[in-house]
Protein backbone atom coordinates (compact mmCIF):
# COMPACT_ATOMS: atom_id res chain seq x y z
CA MET A 1 1.00 2.53 39.52
CA GLU A 2 -0.69 5.38 37.62
CA MET A 3 1.88 5.14 34.83
CA ASN A 4 0.97 1.47 34.37
CA ARG A 5 -2.74 2.24 34.19
CA PHE A 6 -2.35 4.92 31.53
CA PRO A 7 -1.38 2.75 28.53
CA ALA A 8 -3.71 -0.06 29.61
CA ALA A 9 -6.70 2.29 29.60
CA LEU A 10 -5.80 3.72 26.21
CA TRP A 11 -5.95 0.29 24.56
CA GLN A 12 -9.09 -1.06 26.23
CA LEU A 13 -11.52 -0.16 23.45
CA GLY A 14 -11.32 1.24 19.94
CA PHE A 15 -12.79 4.69 20.56
CA ARG A 16 -9.92 5.63 22.88
CA PRO A 17 -6.87 5.60 20.56
CA PHE A 18 -8.77 6.41 17.38
CA PHE A 19 -10.60 9.45 18.77
CA LEU A 20 -7.33 10.71 20.21
CA LEU A 21 -5.53 10.21 16.89
CA ALA A 22 -8.43 11.81 15.02
CA GLY A 23 -8.14 14.94 17.13
CA ILE A 24 -4.40 15.13 16.55
CA VAL A 25 -4.59 14.67 12.78
CA ALA A 26 -7.44 17.19 12.55
CA VAL A 27 -5.10 19.83 13.96
CA VAL A 28 -1.96 18.77 12.08
CA GLU A 29 -3.57 18.25 8.67
CA ILE A 30 -5.32 21.61 8.58
CA GLY A 31 -2.14 23.27 9.85
CA VAL A 32 -0.12 21.73 7.02
CA TRP A 33 -2.84 22.62 4.51
CA MET A 34 -2.88 26.23 5.70
CA GLY A 35 0.91 26.30 5.36
CA SER A 36 0.61 25.14 1.76
CA TRP A 37 -1.55 28.18 0.90
CA HIS A 38 1.35 30.38 1.95
CA GLY A 39 4.13 28.25 0.43
CA ALA A 40 5.41 27.04 3.79
CA ALA A 41 4.43 23.35 3.69
CA PRO A 42 6.79 20.55 2.60
CA VAL A 43 6.01 18.46 -0.47
CA GLY A 44 5.17 14.85 0.27
CA TYR A 45 3.53 11.86 -1.40
CA TYR A 46 0.17 13.54 -2.11
CA PRO A 47 0.24 16.30 -4.74
CA GLY A 48 -1.43 19.67 -4.11
CA ALA A 49 -4.98 19.70 -2.79
CA LEU A 50 -5.11 15.90 -2.80
CA LEU A 51 -3.25 15.87 0.52
CA HIS A 52 -6.03 17.83 2.20
CA ALA A 53 -8.85 15.85 0.62
CA HIS A 54 -7.29 12.46 1.29
CA GLU A 55 -6.25 13.06 4.86
CA ILE A 56 -9.51 14.64 5.98
CA LEU A 57 -11.38 11.62 4.61
CA PHE A 58 -9.03 8.63 4.95
CA GLY A 59 -7.12 10.06 7.90
CA TYR A 60 -9.39 12.02 10.22
CA THR A 61 -12.83 10.70 9.22
CA VAL A 62 -11.77 7.06 8.94
CA ALA A 63 -10.22 7.31 12.41
CA VAL A 64 -13.50 8.54 13.89
CA VAL A 65 -15.51 5.89 12.04
CA SER A 66 -13.07 3.20 13.17
CA GLY A 67 -13.29 4.23 16.82
CA PHE A 68 -17.07 4.38 16.67
CA LEU A 69 -17.58 1.03 14.92
CA LEU A 70 -15.04 -0.87 17.03
CA THR A 71 -16.95 0.35 20.09
CA ALA A 72 -20.50 0.06 18.75
CA VAL A 73 -20.04 -3.46 17.34
CA ARG A 74 -19.03 -4.70 20.78
CA ASN A 75 -22.24 -3.26 22.23
CA TRP A 76 -24.44 -4.44 19.38
CA THR A 77 -23.17 -8.01 19.53
CA GLY A 78 -21.82 -8.53 23.06
CA GLN A 79 -18.69 -9.89 21.36
CA PRO A 80 -15.17 -8.54 21.95
CA THR A 81 -13.52 -6.26 19.44
CA PRO A 82 -9.77 -5.61 19.30
CA SER A 83 -8.12 -4.40 22.49
CA GLY A 84 -4.59 -4.52 23.81
CA VAL A 85 -1.95 -5.59 21.29
CA PRO A 86 -4.37 -6.15 18.34
CA LEU A 87 -5.74 -2.63 18.85
CA ILE A 88 -2.21 -1.23 19.09
CA LEU A 89 -1.33 -2.89 15.77
CA LEU A 90 -4.50 -1.61 14.11
CA ALA A 91 -3.94 1.96 15.30
CA GLY A 92 -0.27 1.67 14.37
CA LEU A 93 -1.21 0.70 10.82
CA TRP A 94 -3.46 3.77 10.55
CA LEU A 95 -0.68 5.97 11.95
CA ALA A 96 1.87 4.53 9.52
CA GLY A 97 -0.44 5.54 6.69
CA ARG A 98 -0.28 9.13 7.95
CA LEU A 99 3.51 9.24 8.48
CA LEU A 100 4.94 7.39 5.48
CA PRO A 101 3.89 10.06 2.93
CA TRP A 102 6.44 12.36 4.58
CA LEU A 103 9.29 9.85 4.81
CA PRO A 104 11.85 8.88 2.13
CA VAL A 105 10.32 5.48 1.39
CA PRO A 106 9.18 3.95 -1.93
CA PRO A 107 5.80 5.33 -3.02
CA LEU A 108 4.47 1.79 -3.43
CA LEU A 109 5.16 1.09 0.27
CA THR A 110 3.28 4.24 1.24
CA ALA A 111 0.32 3.25 -0.91
CA LEU A 112 0.17 -0.36 0.28
CA THR A 113 0.41 0.66 3.93
CA ASP A 114 -2.43 3.15 3.65
CA LEU A 115 -4.52 0.77 1.55
CA ALA A 116 -4.12 -2.01 4.12
CA PHE A 117 -5.94 -0.22 6.92
CA LEU A 118 -9.57 -0.45 5.80
CA PRO A 119 -9.34 -4.19 4.97
CA ALA A 120 -7.72 -4.71 8.39
CA LEU A 121 -10.58 -2.84 10.05
CA MET A 122 -13.09 -4.93 8.13
CA ALA A 123 -11.33 -8.11 9.26
CA ALA A 124 -11.63 -6.90 12.86
CA LEU A 125 -15.37 -6.19 12.57
CA ILE A 126 -16.64 -9.20 10.64
CA PRO A 127 -16.02 -11.96 13.27
CA PRO A 128 -17.94 -10.27 16.13
CA LEU A 129 -20.80 -9.38 13.78
CA VAL A 130 -21.03 -12.97 12.57
CA ARG A 131 -20.66 -14.50 16.06
CA GLY A 132 -23.17 -12.02 17.46
CA ASN A 133 -25.71 -12.92 14.74
CA LYS A 134 -25.98 -9.33 13.46
CA PRO A 135 -25.80 -9.87 9.69
CA HIS A 136 -27.72 -6.67 8.89
CA HIS A 137 -24.88 -4.67 10.46
CA LEU A 138 -22.51 -6.11 7.86
CA MET A 139 -23.74 -3.27 5.64
CA PHE A 140 -21.21 -1.08 7.48
CA VAL A 141 -18.45 -3.49 6.46
CA VAL A 142 -19.66 -3.31 2.86
CA ILE A 143 -19.45 0.49 2.96
CA LEU A 144 -15.91 0.25 4.34
CA GLY A 145 -15.06 -2.10 1.49
CA VAL A 146 -16.27 0.41 -1.11
CA MET A 147 -14.30 3.13 0.70
CA ALA A 148 -11.21 0.92 0.32
CA VAL A 149 -11.88 0.83 -3.43
CA ALA A 150 -12.18 4.64 -3.40
CA ASN A 151 -8.80 4.84 -1.67
CA LEU A 152 -7.34 2.53 -4.31
CA LEU A 153 -8.53 4.92 -7.03
CA VAL A 154 -6.60 7.74 -5.35
CA HIS A 155 -3.36 5.80 -4.97
CA ALA A 156 -3.58 4.30 -8.45
CA GLU A 157 -3.43 7.75 -10.02
CA ILE A 158 -0.58 8.88 -7.75
CA LEU A 159 1.44 5.78 -8.68
CA GLY A 160 0.77 6.34 -12.39
CA GLU A 161 -1.32 3.18 -12.76
CA SER A 162 -4.44 5.06 -13.83
CA ARG A 163 -5.54 8.44 -15.11
CA ASP A 164 -8.10 10.79 -13.59
CA THR A 165 -9.22 8.40 -10.85
CA ALA A 166 -8.13 10.34 -7.74
CA ARG A 167 -10.95 12.91 -7.89
CA PRO A 168 -13.70 10.29 -8.32
CA GLY A 169 -12.10 8.32 -5.48
CA VAL A 170 -12.20 11.33 -3.16
CA TYR A 171 -15.80 12.15 -4.07
CA LEU A 172 -16.88 8.52 -3.66
CA ALA A 173 -15.31 8.39 -0.20
CA ALA A 174 -16.94 11.66 0.87
CA HIS A 175 -20.35 10.49 -0.34
CA LEU A 176 -20.00 7.14 1.41
CA VAL A 177 -19.38 9.00 4.66
CA LEU A 178 -22.67 10.82 4.05
CA LEU A 179 -24.30 7.40 3.70
CA LEU A 180 -22.75 6.32 7.01
CA ILE A 181 -24.02 9.49 8.70
CA THR A 182 -27.49 8.86 7.28
CA LEU A 183 -27.54 5.27 8.57
CA LEU A 184 -25.93 5.90 11.95
CA GLY A 185 -27.63 9.24 12.46
CA GLY A 186 -31.02 7.64 12.02
CA ARG A 187 -30.06 5.13 14.68
CA VAL A 188 -28.40 7.29 17.33
CA ILE A 189 -29.80 10.83 17.04
CA PRO A 190 -33.40 9.87 17.96
CA LEU A 191 -32.13 7.63 20.77
CA PHE A 192 -29.74 10.25 22.14
CA THR A 193 -32.46 12.92 21.83
CA ARG A 194 -35.05 10.93 23.75
CA ASN A 195 -32.63 9.98 26.52
CA GLY A 196 -30.95 13.38 26.65
CA LEU A 197 -34.19 15.32 26.97
CA LEU A 198 -35.43 12.98 29.70
CA ARG A 199 -32.48 14.14 31.78
CA HIS A 200 -33.91 17.65 31.42
CA GLY A 201 -37.38 16.46 32.45
CA VAL A 202 -38.73 16.64 28.88
CA ARG A 203 -40.60 13.66 27.46
CA HIS A 204 -40.17 13.58 23.70
CA GLU A 205 -40.42 10.65 21.30
CA PRO A 206 -38.65 11.45 18.01
CA ARG A 207 -40.81 10.36 15.11
CA THR A 208 -40.00 8.46 11.94
CA HIS A 209 -41.99 7.86 8.78
CA PRO A 210 -41.37 4.63 6.81
CA LEU A 211 -41.77 6.29 3.42
CA LEU A 212 -39.44 9.12 4.37
CA GLU A 213 -36.86 6.67 5.72
CA ARG A 214 -36.85 4.74 2.44
CA LEU A 215 -36.76 7.91 0.36
CA THR A 216 -33.81 9.24 2.36
CA LEU A 217 -31.76 6.06 2.11
CA TYR A 218 -32.49 4.94 -1.45
CA GLY A 219 -32.55 8.50 -2.74
CA LEU A 220 -29.08 9.04 -1.30
CA ILE A 221 -27.75 5.85 -2.90
CA ALA A 222 -29.18 6.95 -6.26
CA TRP A 223 -27.72 10.44 -5.72
CA ILE A 224 -24.24 8.99 -5.06
CA ALA A 225 -24.40 6.98 -8.29
CA LEU A 226 -25.56 10.02 -10.26
CA ARG A 227 -23.15 12.45 -8.61
CA LEU A 228 -20.15 10.32 -9.62
CA GLN A 229 -21.19 10.75 -13.24
CA LEU A 230 -22.49 14.32 -13.37
CA ASP A 231 -21.43 17.73 -12.10
CA SER A 232 -24.45 19.52 -13.52
CA GLY A 233 -27.75 19.01 -15.30
CA TRP A 234 -31.41 18.83 -14.30
CA PRO A 235 -31.33 15.17 -13.10
CA LEU A 236 -28.68 16.08 -10.51
CA VAL A 237 -30.52 19.28 -9.57
CA LEU A 238 -33.82 17.44 -9.06
CA LEU A 239 -32.37 14.52 -7.11
CA SER A 240 -30.26 16.82 -4.93
CA VAL A 241 -33.35 18.81 -3.96
CA VAL A 242 -35.34 15.65 -3.22
CA VAL A 243 -32.62 14.13 -1.04
CA GLY A 244 -31.86 17.44 0.71
CA VAL A 245 -35.51 18.09 1.56
CA ALA A 246 -35.92 14.46 2.71
CA GLN A 247 -32.91 14.72 5.00
CA LEU A 248 -34.12 17.98 6.56
CA ALA A 249 -37.67 16.62 6.89
CA ARG A 250 -36.28 13.57 8.65
CA LEU A 251 -34.34 15.82 11.02
CA SER A 252 -37.46 17.87 11.75
CA LEU A 253 -39.28 14.75 12.99
CA TRP A 254 -36.58 14.26 15.62
CA TRP A 255 -36.53 17.91 16.70
CA HIS A 256 -37.74 19.43 19.95
CA ARG A 257 -36.97 22.98 21.01
CA ALA A 258 -35.48 21.64 24.25
CA VAL A 259 -32.61 20.24 22.14
CA LEU A 260 -31.12 23.73 22.35
CA ARG A 261 -30.61 23.21 26.10
CA GLU A 262 -28.22 20.32 25.53
CA PRO A 263 -25.00 20.93 23.56
CA LEU A 264 -24.41 17.19 23.10
CA LEU A 265 -27.65 17.12 21.14
CA TRP A 266 -27.64 20.37 19.19
CA ILE A 267 -24.20 19.67 17.76
CA LEU A 268 -25.57 16.47 16.18
CA PHE A 269 -28.59 18.31 14.81
CA ALA A 270 -26.28 21.00 13.44
CA GLY A 271 -24.10 18.40 11.72
CA TYR A 272 -27.06 16.60 10.18
CA GLY A 273 -28.52 19.96 9.14
CA TRP A 274 -25.27 20.92 7.39
CA MET A 275 -25.51 17.67 5.46
CA GLY A 276 -29.08 18.43 4.35
CA LEU A 277 -27.99 21.91 3.33
CA GLY A 278 -25.14 20.38 1.33
CA PHE A 279 -27.60 18.63 -0.97
CA LEU A 280 -29.49 21.87 -1.61
CA LEU A 281 -26.21 23.65 -2.32
CA THR A 282 -25.32 20.83 -4.71
CA ALA A 283 -28.55 21.57 -6.59
CA ALA A 284 -27.55 25.23 -6.79
CA ALA A 285 -24.05 24.30 -7.95
CA ALA A 286 -25.42 21.88 -10.56
CA SER A 287 -27.52 24.79 -11.84
CA GLY A 288 -24.38 26.89 -12.26
CA TRP A 289 -25.19 29.34 -9.46
CA LEU A 290 -22.18 28.61 -7.24
CA PRO A 291 -19.03 26.43 -7.20
CA LEU A 292 -19.31 22.72 -6.43
CA SER A 293 -16.65 23.21 -3.74
CA THR A 294 -19.20 25.22 -1.74
CA ALA A 295 -21.50 22.22 -1.45
CA LEU A 296 -18.58 19.87 -0.83
CA HIS A 297 -17.41 21.90 2.17
CA ALA A 298 -20.94 22.09 3.56
CA PHE A 299 -20.80 18.30 3.55
CA THR A 300 -17.27 17.98 4.93
CA ALA A 301 -16.45 20.95 7.18
CA GLY A 302 -20.06 21.25 8.32
CA GLY A 303 -21.76 17.87 8.14
CA ILE A 304 -18.87 15.49 8.69
CA GLY A 305 -17.01 17.89 10.99
CA ALA A 306 -19.90 18.63 13.37
CA MET A 307 -21.26 15.07 13.40
CA THR A 308 -17.88 13.49 14.11
CA LEU A 309 -16.94 15.97 16.82
CA GLY A 310 -20.35 15.57 18.42
CA MET A 311 -20.18 11.77 18.31
CA MET A 312 -16.63 11.65 19.70
CA THR A 313 -17.48 13.88 22.64
CA ARG A 314 -20.64 11.98 23.54
CA VAL A 315 -19.39 8.43 22.96
CA ALA A 316 -16.25 9.08 25.01
CA LEU A 317 -18.31 10.30 27.97
CA GLY A 318 -20.81 7.45 27.80
CA HIS A 319 -18.16 4.74 27.49
CA THR A 320 -15.97 6.03 30.31
CA GLY A 321 -18.81 6.18 32.84
CA ARG A 322 -18.94 9.96 32.98
CA GLU A 323 -21.88 12.32 33.21
CA LEU A 324 -23.29 13.13 29.80
CA SER A 325 -22.56 16.81 29.99
CA VAL A 326 -19.95 19.10 28.44
CA GLY A 327 -18.48 22.30 29.82
CA ARG A 328 -17.74 25.63 28.24
CA PRO A 329 -14.53 24.59 26.43
CA ILE A 330 -16.37 21.92 24.42
CA VAL A 331 -19.34 24.20 23.78
CA ALA A 332 -16.78 26.69 22.45
CA ALA A 333 -15.31 23.92 20.28
CA TYR A 334 -18.77 23.17 18.85
CA LEU A 335 -19.33 26.84 18.04
CA LEU A 336 -15.87 27.25 16.53
CA LEU A 337 -16.33 24.23 14.29
CA ASN A 338 -19.66 25.50 12.98
CA LEU A 339 -18.13 28.93 12.50
CA ALA A 340 -15.29 27.32 10.53
CA ALA A 341 -17.84 25.65 8.24
CA LEU A 342 -19.79 28.88 7.82
CA LEU A 343 -16.66 30.87 6.97
CA ARG A 344 -15.48 28.20 4.51
CA VAL A 345 -18.84 27.92 2.77
CA ALA A 346 -20.18 31.48 2.82
CA GLY A 347 -17.06 33.64 2.97
CA PRO A 348 -15.70 32.99 -0.54
CA LEU A 349 -19.22 33.44 -1.97
CA ALA A 350 -19.74 36.79 -0.29
CA TRP A 351 -16.26 38.24 -0.89
CA PRO A 352 -14.38 36.05 -3.37
CA GLU A 353 -11.51 38.55 -3.61
CA HIS A 354 -10.65 37.68 0.01
CA THR A 355 -10.88 33.89 -0.38
CA LEU A 356 -7.45 33.27 1.18
CA LEU A 357 -8.49 35.25 4.26
CA TRP A 358 -11.66 33.18 4.62
CA LEU A 359 -9.64 29.98 4.30
CA ASP A 360 -7.24 31.17 7.00
CA LEU A 361 -10.07 32.15 9.33
CA ALA A 362 -11.94 28.89 8.75
CA GLY A 363 -8.77 26.83 9.24
CA GLY A 364 -7.92 28.71 12.41
CA CYS A 365 -11.39 28.10 13.89
CA TRP A 366 -11.17 24.40 12.99
CA ILE A 367 -7.75 24.05 14.65
CA LEU A 368 -8.90 25.86 17.80
CA ALA A 369 -11.96 23.61 18.01
CA PHE A 370 -9.87 20.45 17.97
CA LEU A 371 -7.22 21.85 20.31
CA LEU A 372 -10.03 22.37 22.82
CA PHE A 373 -11.24 18.83 22.16
CA LEU A 374 -7.76 17.42 22.80
CA ALA A 375 -7.25 19.51 25.94
CA VAL A 376 -10.47 18.21 27.49
CA TYR A 377 -10.65 14.68 26.08
CA ALA A 378 -7.05 13.47 26.04
CA PRO A 379 -7.24 12.73 29.81
CA ILE A 380 -10.67 11.10 29.37
CA LEU A 381 -9.47 8.87 26.53
CA THR A 382 -6.21 7.85 28.21
CA HIS A 383 -7.43 7.10 31.74
CA PRO A 384 -9.69 4.33 33.10
CA ARG A 385 -13.46 4.51 33.44
CA VAL A 386 -14.63 6.44 36.46
CA ASP A 387 -17.09 3.69 37.45
CA ALA A 388 -16.41 0.11 38.44
CA ILE A 389 -17.41 -1.66 35.20
CA PRO A 390 -14.59 -4.00 34.07
CA PRO A 391 -12.98 -2.77 30.83
CA ARG A 392 -13.71 -5.97 28.88
CA GLN A 393 -17.40 -6.08 29.85
CA PRO A 394 -19.69 -4.46 27.28
CA ALA A 395 -21.25 -1.38 28.82
CA PRO A 396 -23.71 0.38 26.53
CA ALA A 397 -23.31 4.12 26.30
CA ARG A 398 -26.15 5.99 27.96
């Protein structure tokens, strides 16, 4: 009987397979990337560093975003999102995009398979948003559509259909994820903070300021447009400082010192803080003081890494009826991931002659963090809810 319940639970809701797959690809991709530094990795469809950039964004990050949106849209609208066979097909399409680059198939098939996933995800999200009368949430579908265009830019260069489009495609995708974090973070971090601190007996109402909210959002959109055109210059320096300060000011309005008592909260604050720091580091890089890759990895390893790991761990608990609390292994995973980001960002700046060592240490910490995540959360993601709520009934996360 238990063997029959296992696959059924896995395919009940989008966060389950996609968070599990995200954890797996986070380990495998960084392992392959580390192997490439030492000449031990096989050569596949993606050339050089493009493998790492593409798979962290369109593999790992897109998996987390997919799991979150397929789950959140059901709660926002009360309408069903893919489960069962449709969810299996959607996850299978994502997985095919990860496997085909290593198989002896025509490059065009690899590209078309990977390119098909984001439109398929959009097609899965639009009907419940329309039926649930949530047109303002269609902005997330629009962002996914632009990410699909970014992915097309990458594949077009690989296939020889364009020149010098892969790098802009990667940067566009990374910056769109920052936009998603800004939008979703502003929605969930104050809510999670208020509710989480109440469980510790602390009454705290995170604040917002309308002018700051507009400055953060529209400033970021302007920054993305400018960043795609410029690597340096005073306009990029100025706008990076403005957006970075706005992001950190926004975070400060949500803050309470009691956040440090709750790992499920401080990991989200850490991730959002890494993102704010990334804008300030971009200003420094645009001034010629440090490499642009430093700022990029503050955004990716720090901001995207910490936010996605924090969201996966919390959403999975809330949507499986479990207590919103993590044990020492996941706290260790949070610390390891932030250490990985710190080593990747600061290590090569402090001792550039040992850059390969810093990359190895950062990659090792990242892999250990996600191995801990998989060890703890694979059973949670693959087994039924611990309460009595039917799997097809929307049950908002606490």
